[in-house]
Amino acid sequence: MVFSCVTRNMFSVLHLLALVLISITPLCSSYTPSDKVTKELVVQLCSKPTLYKNFCIAWLFSDPKTLTLDLHGLLGMVIEKTQGFGFRTIKLTKGLVNTTTDPNLKMIYGSCLTDYEQSTKGIEIAKGYASSKVYFSAFMAAYKAMMAISDCETLIEAQPIPAYFSRRVVMFERMCSTGMVFSKVLKEGK
């Protein structure tokens, strides 16, 4: 149990260091919200520090709408898709909490449910800021969302959790991270 607490605190410190690195490292100031999204732009954006490039590229190109948007619209789409995924996972997690008979799993799912609810609320806040083009606030809200779900990710590490649930947690964290970095890119471009 002590190891779990130490591990959780270590991951929190690592995420805080990532935020500091992202905050002080300019990603690129040549982007503007009205830039047309191209394949090249997606690859450039998905290559930014802290993003999982292969995930980001595959996720964005899986939606045919991606190449019809401008950069502001792309951020909106990322946040919208992240929020939808979060809502679906909350529903799934509530079902797991209600159906599992293992008390340890019930506690883990319950904790992750709280983290998903906090994280999805953060994404909802980021959505409002992004639509109003207040990109720094969208960045901060997406960061808080990523931190909330990373708590669940830390909790389930080395636990006998079904792989499909672990994958959803990792995917959601990567989605939150993408929204955070894209908000940062737009904040710098203004």
Protein backbone atom coordinates (compact mmCIF):
# COMPACT_ATOMS: atom_id res chain seq x y z
CA MET A 1 0.00 0.00 0.00
CA VAL A 2 2.88 2.37 0.81
CA PHE A 3 4.42 1.56 -2.55
CA SER A 4 1.14 2.47 -4.25
CA CYS A 5 1.13 5.86 -2.52
CA VAL A 6 4.78 6.46 -3.44
CA THR A 7 4.11 5.44 -7.03
CA ARG A 8 1.06 7.72 -7.24
CA ASN A 9 3.04 10.67 -5.86
CA MET A 10 5.92 9.95 -8.24
CA PHE A 11 3.56 10.00 -11.23
CA SER A 12 2.00 13.25 -10.00
CA VAL A 13 5.45 14.81 -9.81
CA LEU A 14 6.30 13.53 -13.29
CA HIS A 15 3.08 14.98 -14.73
CA LEU A 16 3.78 18.29 -12.98
CA LEU A 17 7.25 18.33 -14.54
CA ALA A 18 5.69 17.65 -17.94
CA LEU A 19 3.34 20.62 -17.43
CA VAL A 20 6.28 22.86 -16.53
CA LEU A 21 8.20 21.65 -19.59
CA ILE A 22 5.21 22.27 -21.86
CA SER A 23 4.58 25.67 -20.28
CA ILE A 24 8.12 26.97 -20.74
CA THR A 25 8.93 25.31 -24.04
CA PRO A 26 7.41 27.07 -27.02
CA LEU A 27 5.81 24.51 -29.30
CA CYS A 28 5.56 26.81 -32.29
CA SER A 29 4.19 30.29 -32.63
CA SER A 30 3.50 30.10 -36.34
CA TYR A 31 0.12 28.37 -35.99
CA THR A 32 -3.11 30.32 -36.10
CA PRO A 33 -6.66 29.17 -35.33
CA SER A 34 -7.64 29.65 -38.98
CA ASP A 35 -4.85 27.42 -40.39
CA LYS A 36 -6.34 24.70 -42.62
CA VAL A 37 -5.68 21.22 -41.30
CA THR A 38 -3.56 19.15 -43.67
CA LYS A 39 -1.88 15.76 -43.32
CA GLU A 40 1.42 17.53 -42.79
CA LEU A 41 -0.03 19.76 -40.08
CA VAL A 42 -1.49 16.75 -38.24
CA VAL A 43 1.90 15.01 -38.31
CA GLN A 44 3.62 18.20 -37.04
CA LEU A 45 1.10 18.66 -34.23
CA CYS A 46 1.18 15.00 -33.22
CA SER A 47 4.99 15.19 -33.02
CA LYS A 48 4.87 17.74 -30.20
CA PRO A 49 6.52 16.88 -26.87
CA THR A 50 4.50 14.65 -24.49
CA LEU A 51 2.16 13.37 -27.23
CA TYR A 52 2.04 9.76 -28.34
CA LYS A 53 2.61 10.41 -32.03
CA ASN A 54 1.27 7.13 -33.44
CA PHE A 55 -1.86 7.28 -31.30
CA CYS A 56 -2.49 10.95 -32.14
CA ILE A 57 -2.07 10.50 -35.90
CA ALA A 58 -4.19 7.34 -36.07
CA TRP A 59 -6.90 8.87 -33.87
CA LEU A 60 -7.19 12.08 -35.89
CA PHE A 61 -7.01 10.41 -39.30
CA SER A 62 -9.71 7.91 -38.26
CA ASP A 63 -12.21 10.77 -38.53
CA PRO A 64 -12.74 11.95 -42.13
CA LYS A 65 -13.80 15.35 -40.77
CA THR A 66 -10.20 16.09 -39.65
CA LEU A 67 -8.96 17.35 -43.02
CA THR A 68 -12.02 19.58 -43.49
CA LEU A 69 -11.31 21.72 -40.42
CA ASP A 70 -9.18 24.65 -39.44
CA LEU A 71 -6.93 24.38 -36.38
CA HIS A 72 -9.56 25.89 -34.07
CA GLY A 73 -12.10 23.37 -35.36
CA LEU A 74 -9.61 20.54 -34.89
CA LEU A 75 -9.17 21.47 -31.23
CA GLY A 76 -12.96 21.51 -30.86
CA MET A 77 -13.22 18.09 -32.45
CA VAL A 78 -10.48 16.66 -30.21
CA ILE A 79 -12.20 17.98 -27.10
CA GLU A 80 -15.63 16.80 -28.27
CA LYS A 81 -14.37 13.28 -29.02
CA THR A 82 -12.51 13.17 -25.70
CA GLN A 83 -15.62 14.21 -23.82
CA GLY A 84 -17.76 11.60 -25.59
CA PHE A 85 -15.24 8.87 -24.85
CA GLY A 86 -15.18 9.99 -21.21
CA PHE A 87 -18.99 9.84 -20.93
CA ARG A 88 -19.07 6.34 -22.46
CA THR A 89 -16.34 5.17 -20.08
CA ILE A 90 -18.17 6.63 -17.07
CA LYS A 91 -21.20 4.54 -18.07
CA LEU A 92 -19.02 1.43 -18.48
CA THR A 93 -17.27 2.04 -15.14
CA LYS A 94 -20.57 2.51 -13.30
CA GLY A 95 -21.62 -0.87 -14.66
CA LEU A 96 -18.37 -2.44 -13.45
CA VAL A 97 -18.79 -0.92 -9.98
CA ASN A 98 -22.32 -2.32 -9.77
CA THR A 99 -21.56 -5.81 -11.10
CA THR A 100 -18.18 -6.79 -9.70
CA THR A 101 -18.19 -9.03 -6.65
CA ASP A 102 -14.50 -8.50 -5.88
CA PRO A 103 -14.24 -5.84 -3.14
CA ASN A 104 -10.75 -4.76 -4.33
CA LEU A 105 -11.99 -4.27 -7.90
CA LYS A 106 -15.09 -2.45 -6.62
CA MET A 107 -12.82 0.00 -4.76
CA ILE A 108 -10.55 0.48 -7.79
CA TYR A 109 -13.46 0.97 -10.20
CA GLY A 110 -15.13 3.36 -7.75
CA SER A 111 -11.98 5.44 -7.48
CA CYS A 112 -11.51 5.43 -11.26
CA LEU A 113 -15.16 6.43 -11.67
CA THR A 114 -14.53 9.50 -9.52
CA ASP A 115 -11.40 10.28 -11.56
CA TYR A 116 -13.33 9.91 -14.85
CA GLU A 117 -16.09 12.19 -13.59
CA GLN A 118 -13.55 14.85 -12.56
CA SER A 119 -11.63 14.46 -15.78
CA THR A 120 -14.70 14.65 -17.99
CA LYS A 121 -15.82 17.76 -16.11
CA GLY A 122 -12.38 19.28 -16.84
CA ILE A 123 -12.80 18.46 -20.52
CA GLU A 124 -16.23 20.12 -20.46
CA ILE A 125 -14.62 23.25 -19.03
CA ALA A 126 -11.84 23.09 -21.65
CA LYS A 127 -14.52 22.83 -24.34
CA GLY A 128 -16.11 26.08 -23.20
CA TYR A 129 -12.80 27.92 -23.12
CA ALA A 130 -11.71 26.53 -26.49
CA SER A 131 -14.97 27.55 -28.17
CA SER A 132 -14.44 31.07 -26.77
CA LYS A 133 -10.83 30.99 -28.01
CA VAL A 134 -9.45 31.36 -24.50
CA TYR A 135 -6.75 28.82 -25.26
CA PHE A 136 -4.61 29.17 -22.14
CA SER A 137 -7.60 28.38 -19.92
CA ALA A 138 -8.51 25.47 -22.23
CA PHE A 139 -4.93 24.23 -21.82
CA MET A 140 -5.15 24.41 -18.02
CA ALA A 141 -8.55 22.67 -17.91
CA ALA A 142 -7.27 19.88 -20.20
CA TYR A 143 -4.19 19.55 -17.99
CA LYS A 144 -6.37 19.12 -14.90
CA ALA A 145 -8.43 16.52 -16.78
CA MET A 146 -5.28 14.62 -17.71
CA MET A 147 -4.05 14.70 -14.11
CA ALA A 148 -7.37 13.37 -12.79
CA ILE A 149 -7.35 10.39 -15.14
CA SER A 150 -3.65 9.74 -14.55
CA ASP A 151 -4.60 9.07 -10.91
CA CYS A 152 -6.75 6.18 -12.14
CA GLU A 153 -3.97 5.04 -14.44
CA THR A 154 -1.57 4.94 -11.50
CA LEU A 155 -4.09 3.12 -9.33
CA ILE A 156 -4.70 0.30 -11.80
CA GLU A 157 -1.02 -0.22 -12.56
CA ALA A 158 0.03 -3.73 -11.55
CA GLN A 159 -3.55 -4.63 -10.57
CA PRO A 160 -5.54 -7.53 -11.99
CA ILE A 161 -7.74 -5.24 -14.09
CA PRO A 162 -9.25 -6.40 -17.38
CA ALA A 163 -7.11 -5.25 -20.30
CA TYR A 164 -10.01 -3.49 -22.04
CA PHE A 165 -10.46 -1.21 -19.02
CA SER A 166 -6.73 -0.43 -18.77
CA ARG A 167 -6.63 0.41 -22.49
CA ARG A 168 -9.56 2.82 -22.11
CA VAL A 169 -7.81 4.63 -19.27
CA VAL A 170 -4.61 5.00 -21.31
CA MET A 171 -6.55 6.13 -24.39
CA PHE A 172 -8.47 8.75 -22.43
CA GLU A 173 -5.27 10.08 -20.88
CA ARG A 174 -3.75 10.38 -24.37
CA MET A 175 -6.87 12.16 -25.65
CA CYS A 176 -6.70 14.65 -22.76
CA SER A 177 -3.01 15.19 -23.47
CA THR A 178 -3.74 15.88 -27.15
CA GLY A 179 -6.34 18.50 -26.24
CA MET A 180 -3.91 20.06 -23.79
CA VAL A 181 -1.06 20.31 -26.29
CA PHE A 182 -3.28 21.58 -29.13
CA SER A 183 -4.65 24.28 -26.79
CA LYS A 184 -1.07 25.25 -26.00
CA VAL A 185 -0.22 25.49 -29.70
CA LEU A 186 -3.17 27.82 -30.30
CA LYS A 187 -2.41 29.89 -27.19
CA GLU A 188 1.07 30.56 -28.51
CA GLY A 189 -0.15 31.37 -32.00
CA LYS A 190 -2.40 34.23 -30.87
